PDB file of N, CA and C in Angstrom:
ATOM      1  N   MET A   1      47.982  48.962 -89.359  1.00  0.00           N
ATOM      2  CA  MET A   1      48.644  49.644 -88.419  1.00  0.00           C
ATOM      3  C   MET A   1      49.385  48.971 -87.425  1.00  0.00           C
ATOM      4  N   GLU A   2      49.156  47.322 -87.451  1.00  0.00           N
ATOM      5  CA  GLU A   2      50.586  46.922 -86.555  1.00  0.00           C
ATOM      6  C   GLU A   2      51.668  46.823 -87.720  1.00  0.00           C
ATOM      7  N   GLU A   3      51.496  47.054 -88.358  1.00  0.00           N
ATOM      8  CA  GLU A   3      53.102  46.793 -89.637  1.00  0.00           C
ATOM      9  C   GLU A   3      54.279  47.819 -89.040  1.00  0.00           C
ATOM     10  N   LEU A   4      52.794  49.596 -88.804  1.00  0.00           N
ATOM     11  CA  LEU A   4      53.064  50.378 -88.169  1.00  0.00           C
ATOM     12  C   LEU A   4      54.093  50.666 -87.285  1.00  0.00           C
ATOM     13  N   LEU A   5      53.507  49.733 -86.857  1.00  0.00           N
ATOM     14  CA  LEU A   5      53.621  49.122 -84.824  1.00  0.00           C
ATOM     15  C   LEU A   5      54.875  49.252 -84.753  1.00  0.00           C
ATOM     16  N   ALA A   6      55.101  48.136 -85.737  1.00  0.00           N
ATOM     17  CA  ALA A   6      56.163  47.107 -85.678  1.00  0.00           C
ATOM     18  C   ALA A   6      57.436  48.035 -86.273  1.00  0.00           C
ATOM     19  N   GLN A   7      57.388  48.507 -86.571  1.00  0.00           N
ATOM     20  CA  GLN A   7      58.391  49.712 -87.336  1.00  0.00           C
ATOM     21  C   GLN A   7      58.935  49.678 -86.344  1.00  0.00           C
ATOM     22  N   ILE A   8      57.613  51.086 -85.478  1.00  0.00           N
ATOM     23  CA  ILE A   8      58.343  52.301 -85.066  1.00  0.00           C
ATOM     24  C   ILE A   8      59.140  51.256 -83.917  1.00  0.00           C
ATOM     25  N   SER A   9      58.492  49.997 -83.440  1.00  0.00           N
ATOM     26  CA  SER A   9      58.690  49.766 -82.049  1.00  0.00           C
ATOM     27  C   SER A   9      60.767  49.017 -83.042  1.00  0.00           C
ATOM     28  N   ASN A  10      60.814  48.207 -84.143  1.00  0.00           N
ATOM     29  CA  ASN A  10      61.607  47.634 -84.718  1.00  0.00           C
ATOM     30  C   ASN A  10      63.027  49.302 -84.683  1.00  0.00           C
ATOM     31  N   ILE A  11      62.963  50.254 -85.388  1.00  0.00           N
ATOM     32  CA  ILE A  11      63.549  51.518 -85.254  1.00  0.00           C
ATOM     33  C   ILE A  11      63.945  52.455 -84.045  1.00  0.00           C
ATOM     34  N   GLY A  12      62.535  52.619 -83.786  1.00  0.00           N
ATOM     35  CA  GLY A  12      63.150  52.985 -82.607  1.00  0.00           C
ATOM     36  C   GLY A  12      63.689  52.674 -81.386  1.00  0.00           C
ATOM     37  N   PHE A  13      63.922  51.201 -81.085  1.00  0.00           N
ATOM     38  CA  PHE A  13      64.672  51.208 -80.109  1.00  0.00           C
ATOM     39  C   PHE A  13      65.906  51.247 -80.569  1.00  0.00           C
ATOM     40  N   PRO A  14      66.708  51.103 -81.848  1.00  0.00           N
ATOM     41  CA  PRO A  14      67.734  50.937 -81.934  1.00  0.00           C
ATOM     42  C   PRO A  14      68.312  52.378 -81.614  1.00  0.00           C
ATOM     43  N   ILE A  15      67.348  53.068 -81.953  1.00  0.00           N
ATOM     44  CA  ILE A  15      67.110  54.490 -81.738  1.00  0.00           C
ATOM     45  C   ILE A  15      67.685  55.782 -80.356  1.00  0.00           C
ATOM     46  N   ALA A  16      67.233  54.608 -80.289  1.00  0.00           N
ATOM     47  CA  ALA A  16      66.792  55.262 -78.825  1.00  0.00           C
ATOM     48  C   ALA A  16      68.342  54.994 -77.880  1.00  0.00           C
ATOM     49  N   ILE A  17      69.055  53.419 -78.042  1.00  0.00           N
ATOM     50  CA  ILE A  17      69.850  52.866 -76.868  1.00  0.00           C
ATOM     51  C   ILE A  17      71.855  54.175 -78.875  1.00  0.00           C
ATOM     52  N   SER A  18      70.798  53.797 -78.971  1.00  0.00           N
ATOM     53  CA  SER A  18      72.307  55.380 -79.448  1.00  0.00           C
ATOM     54  C   SER A  18      71.888  56.318 -79.530  1.00  0.00           C
ATOM     55  N   CYS A  19      71.309  56.549 -78.756  1.00  0.00           N
ATOM     56  CA  CYS A  19      71.107  57.991 -78.291  1.00  0.00           C
ATOM     57  C   CYS A  19      71.882  58.353 -77.012  1.00  0.00           C
ATOM     58  N   TYR A  20      71.717  56.880 -75.991  1.00  0.00           N
ATOM     59  CA  TYR A  20      71.713  56.489 -75.304  1.00  0.00           C
ATOM     60  C   TYR A  20      73.276  56.832 -75.047  1.00  0.00           C
ATOM     61  N   LEU A  21      73.769  55.983 -75.861  1.00  0.00           N
ATOM     62  CA  LEU A  21      75.437  54.879 -76.321  1.00  0.00           C
ATOM     63  C   LEU A  21      76.276  56.786 -76.604  1.00  0.00           C
ATOM     64  N   LEU A  22      75.138  57.423 -77.605  1.00  0.00           N
ATOM     65  CA  LEU A  22      75.905  58.811 -77.946  1.00  0.00           C
ATOM     66  C   LEU A  22      76.053  59.629 -76.395  1.00  0.00           C
ATOM     67  N   VAL A  23      75.108  60.391 -75.792  1.00  0.00           N
ATOM     68  CA  VAL A  23      75.652  60.453 -74.858  1.00  0.00           C
ATOM     69  C   VAL A  23      76.428  60.549 -73.583  1.00  0.00           C
ATOM     70  N   ARG A  24      76.856  58.971 -73.023  1.00  0.00           N
ATOM     71  CA  ARG A  24      77.641  57.931 -72.435  1.00  0.00           C
ATOM     72  C   ARG A  24      79.053  58.534 -73.752  1.00  0.00           C
ATOM     73  N   PHE A  25      78.971  58.710 -74.871  1.00  0.00           N
ATOM     74  CA  PHE A  25      80.713  58.004 -75.404  1.00  0.00           C
ATOM     75  C   PHE A  25      80.824  59.745 -75.166  1.00  0.00           C
ATOM     76  N   GLU A  26      79.662  61.207 -75.844  1.00  0.00           N
ATOM     77  CA  GLU A  26      80.237  62.138 -74.952  1.00  0.00           C
ATOM     78  C   GLU A  26      80.053  62.920 -73.343  1.00  0.00           C
ATOM     79  N   LYS A  27      80.330  62.351 -72.452  1.00  0.00           N
ATOM     80  CA  LYS A  27      80.509  62.067 -70.945  1.00  0.00           C
ATOM     81  C   LYS A  27      82.541  61.734 -71.138  1.00  0.00           C
ATOM     82  N   LYS A  28      82.442  60.158 -71.839  1.00  0.00           N
ATOM     83  CA  LYS A  28      83.892  59.935 -72.005  1.00  0.00           C
ATOM     84  C   LYS A  28      85.283  60.605 -72.631  1.00  0.00           C
ATOM     85  N   LEU A  29      84.336  61.525 -73.252  1.00  0.00           N
ATOM     86  CA  LEU A  29      85.449  62.089 -74.009  1.00  0.00           C
ATOM     87  C   LEU A  29      85.710  63.536 -73.653  1.00  0.00           C
ATOM     88  N   GLU A  30      84.762  64.270 -72.326  1.00  0.00           N
ATOM     89  CA  GLU A  30      84.697  65.290 -72.378  1.00  0.00           C
ATOM     90  C   GLU A  30      85.943  64.922 -70.836  1.00  0.00           C
ATOM     91  N   GLU A  31      85.946  63.945 -70.382  1.00  0.00           N
ATOM     92  CA  GLU A  31      86.419  63.628 -69.040  1.00  0.00           C
ATOM     93  C   GLU A  31      87.988  62.974 -69.387  1.00  0.00           C
ATOM     94  N   LEU A  32      87.964  62.695 -71.290  1.00  0.00           N
ATOM     95  CA  LEU A  32      89.503  61.831 -71.777  1.00  0.00           C
ATOM     96  C   LEU A  32      90.493  63.243 -72.000  1.00  0.00           C
ATOM     97  N   LYS A  33      89.927  64.964 -72.579  1.00  0.00           N
ATOM     98  CA  LYS A  33      90.323  65.384 -72.607  1.00  0.00           C
ATOM     99  C   LYS A  33      90.978  66.041 -71.724  1.00  0.00           C
ATOM    100  N   GLU A  34      89.643  65.929 -70.188  1.00  0.00           N
ATOM    101  CA  GLU A  34      90.598  67.408 -69.345  1.00  0.00           C
ATOM    102  C   GLU A  34      91.698  66.205 -68.984  1.00  0.00           C
ATOM    103  N   VAL A  35      91.880  64.997 -68.641  1.00  0.00           N
ATOM    104  CA  VAL A  35      93.180  64.504 -68.280  1.00  0.00           C
ATOM    105  C   VAL A  35      93.724  64.164 -69.784  1.00  0.00           C
ATOM    106  N   ILE A  36      93.838  64.632 -70.159  1.00  0.00           N
ATOM    107  CA  ILE A  36      95.261  64.747 -71.036  1.00  0.00           C
ATOM    108  C   ILE A  36      95.676  65.695 -71.139  1.00  0.00           C
ATOM    109  N   GLY A  37      94.786  66.961 -71.210  1.00  0.00           N
ATOM    110  CA  GLY A  37      95.524  68.414 -70.752  1.00  0.00           C
ATOM    111  C   GLY A  37      95.981  67.903 -70.045  1.00  0.00           C
ATOM    112  N   GLU A  38      95.574  67.814 -68.212  1.00  0.00           N
ATOM    113  CA  GLU A  38      96.346  67.243 -67.115  1.00  0.00           C
ATOM    114  C   GLU A  38      97.558  66.713 -67.438  1.00  0.00           C
ATOM    115  N   LEU A  39      98.016  65.563 -68.803  1.00  0.00           N
ATOM    116  CA  LEU A  39      99.132  65.387 -68.459  1.00  0.00           C
ATOM    117  C   LEU A  39      99.559  66.535 -69.045  1.00  0.00           C
ATOM    118  N   SER A  40      99.524  66.171 -70.670  1.00  0.00           N
ATOM    119  CA  SER A  40     100.475  67.780 -71.185  1.00  0.00           C
ATOM    120  C   SER A  40     100.902  68.369 -70.384  1.00  0.00           C
ATOM    121  N   ASN A  41     100.695  68.783 -69.424  1.00  0.00           N
ATOM    122  CA  ASN A  41     100.806  70.537 -68.257  1.00  0.00           C
ATOM    123  C   ASN A  41     102.312  69.160 -67.051  1.00  0.00           C
ATOM    124  N   ALA A  42     101.454  67.542 -67.116  1.00  0.00           N
ATOM    125  CA  ALA A  42     101.971  67.154 -66.926  1.00  0.00           C
ATOM    126  C   ALA A  42     103.777  67.048 -67.493  1.00  0.00           C
ATOM    127  N   VAL A  43     103.940  67.327 -68.175  1.00  0.00           N
ATOM    128  CA  VAL A  43     105.249  66.878 -69.251  1.00  0.00           C
ATOM    129  C   VAL A  43     105.559  67.928 -69.285  1.00  0.00           C
ATOM    130  N   GLU A  44     104.760  69.172 -69.403  1.00  0.00           N
ATOM    131  CA  GLU A  44     105.631  70.880 -70.686  1.00  0.00           C
ATOM    132  C   GLU A  44     106.614  70.967 -68.649  1.00  0.00           C
ATOM    133  N   LYS A  45     106.333  70.507 -67.835  1.00  0.00           N
ATOM    134  CA  LYS A  45     106.827  70.655 -66.163  1.00  0.00           C
ATOM    135  C   LYS A  45     108.365  69.149 -65.880  1.00  0.00           C
ATOM    136  N   LEU A  46     107.916  68.353 -66.846  1.00  0.00           N
ATOM    137  CA  LEU A  46     109.027  68.054 -66.697  1.00  0.00           C
ATOM    138  C   LEU A  46     109.709  68.283 -67.246  1.00  0.00           C
ATOM    139  N   ASN A  47     109.674  69.108 -68.739  1.00  0.00           N
ATOM    140  CA  ASN A  47     109.997  68.908 -69.567  1.00  0.00           C
ATOM    141  C   ASN A  47     111.242  70.410 -69.251  1.00  0.00           C
ATOM    142  N   LYS A  48     111.442  71.107 -67.730  1.00  0.00           N
ATOM    143  CA  LYS A  48     111.012  72.504 -67.833  1.00  0.00           C
ATOM    144  C   LYS A  48     112.439  72.830 -66.630  1.00  0.00           C
TER     145      LYS A  48
END
């Protein structure tokens, strides 16, 4: 039983951290996508 709990804590912590980082990374990617779109529009305006 102790081995099972040790394995869960050893595996569960990295999984929890990975999920947390993926959620944060997704938000940053969404922001980056918006900024790239704005930059693209600005470049198009400059070329006209």
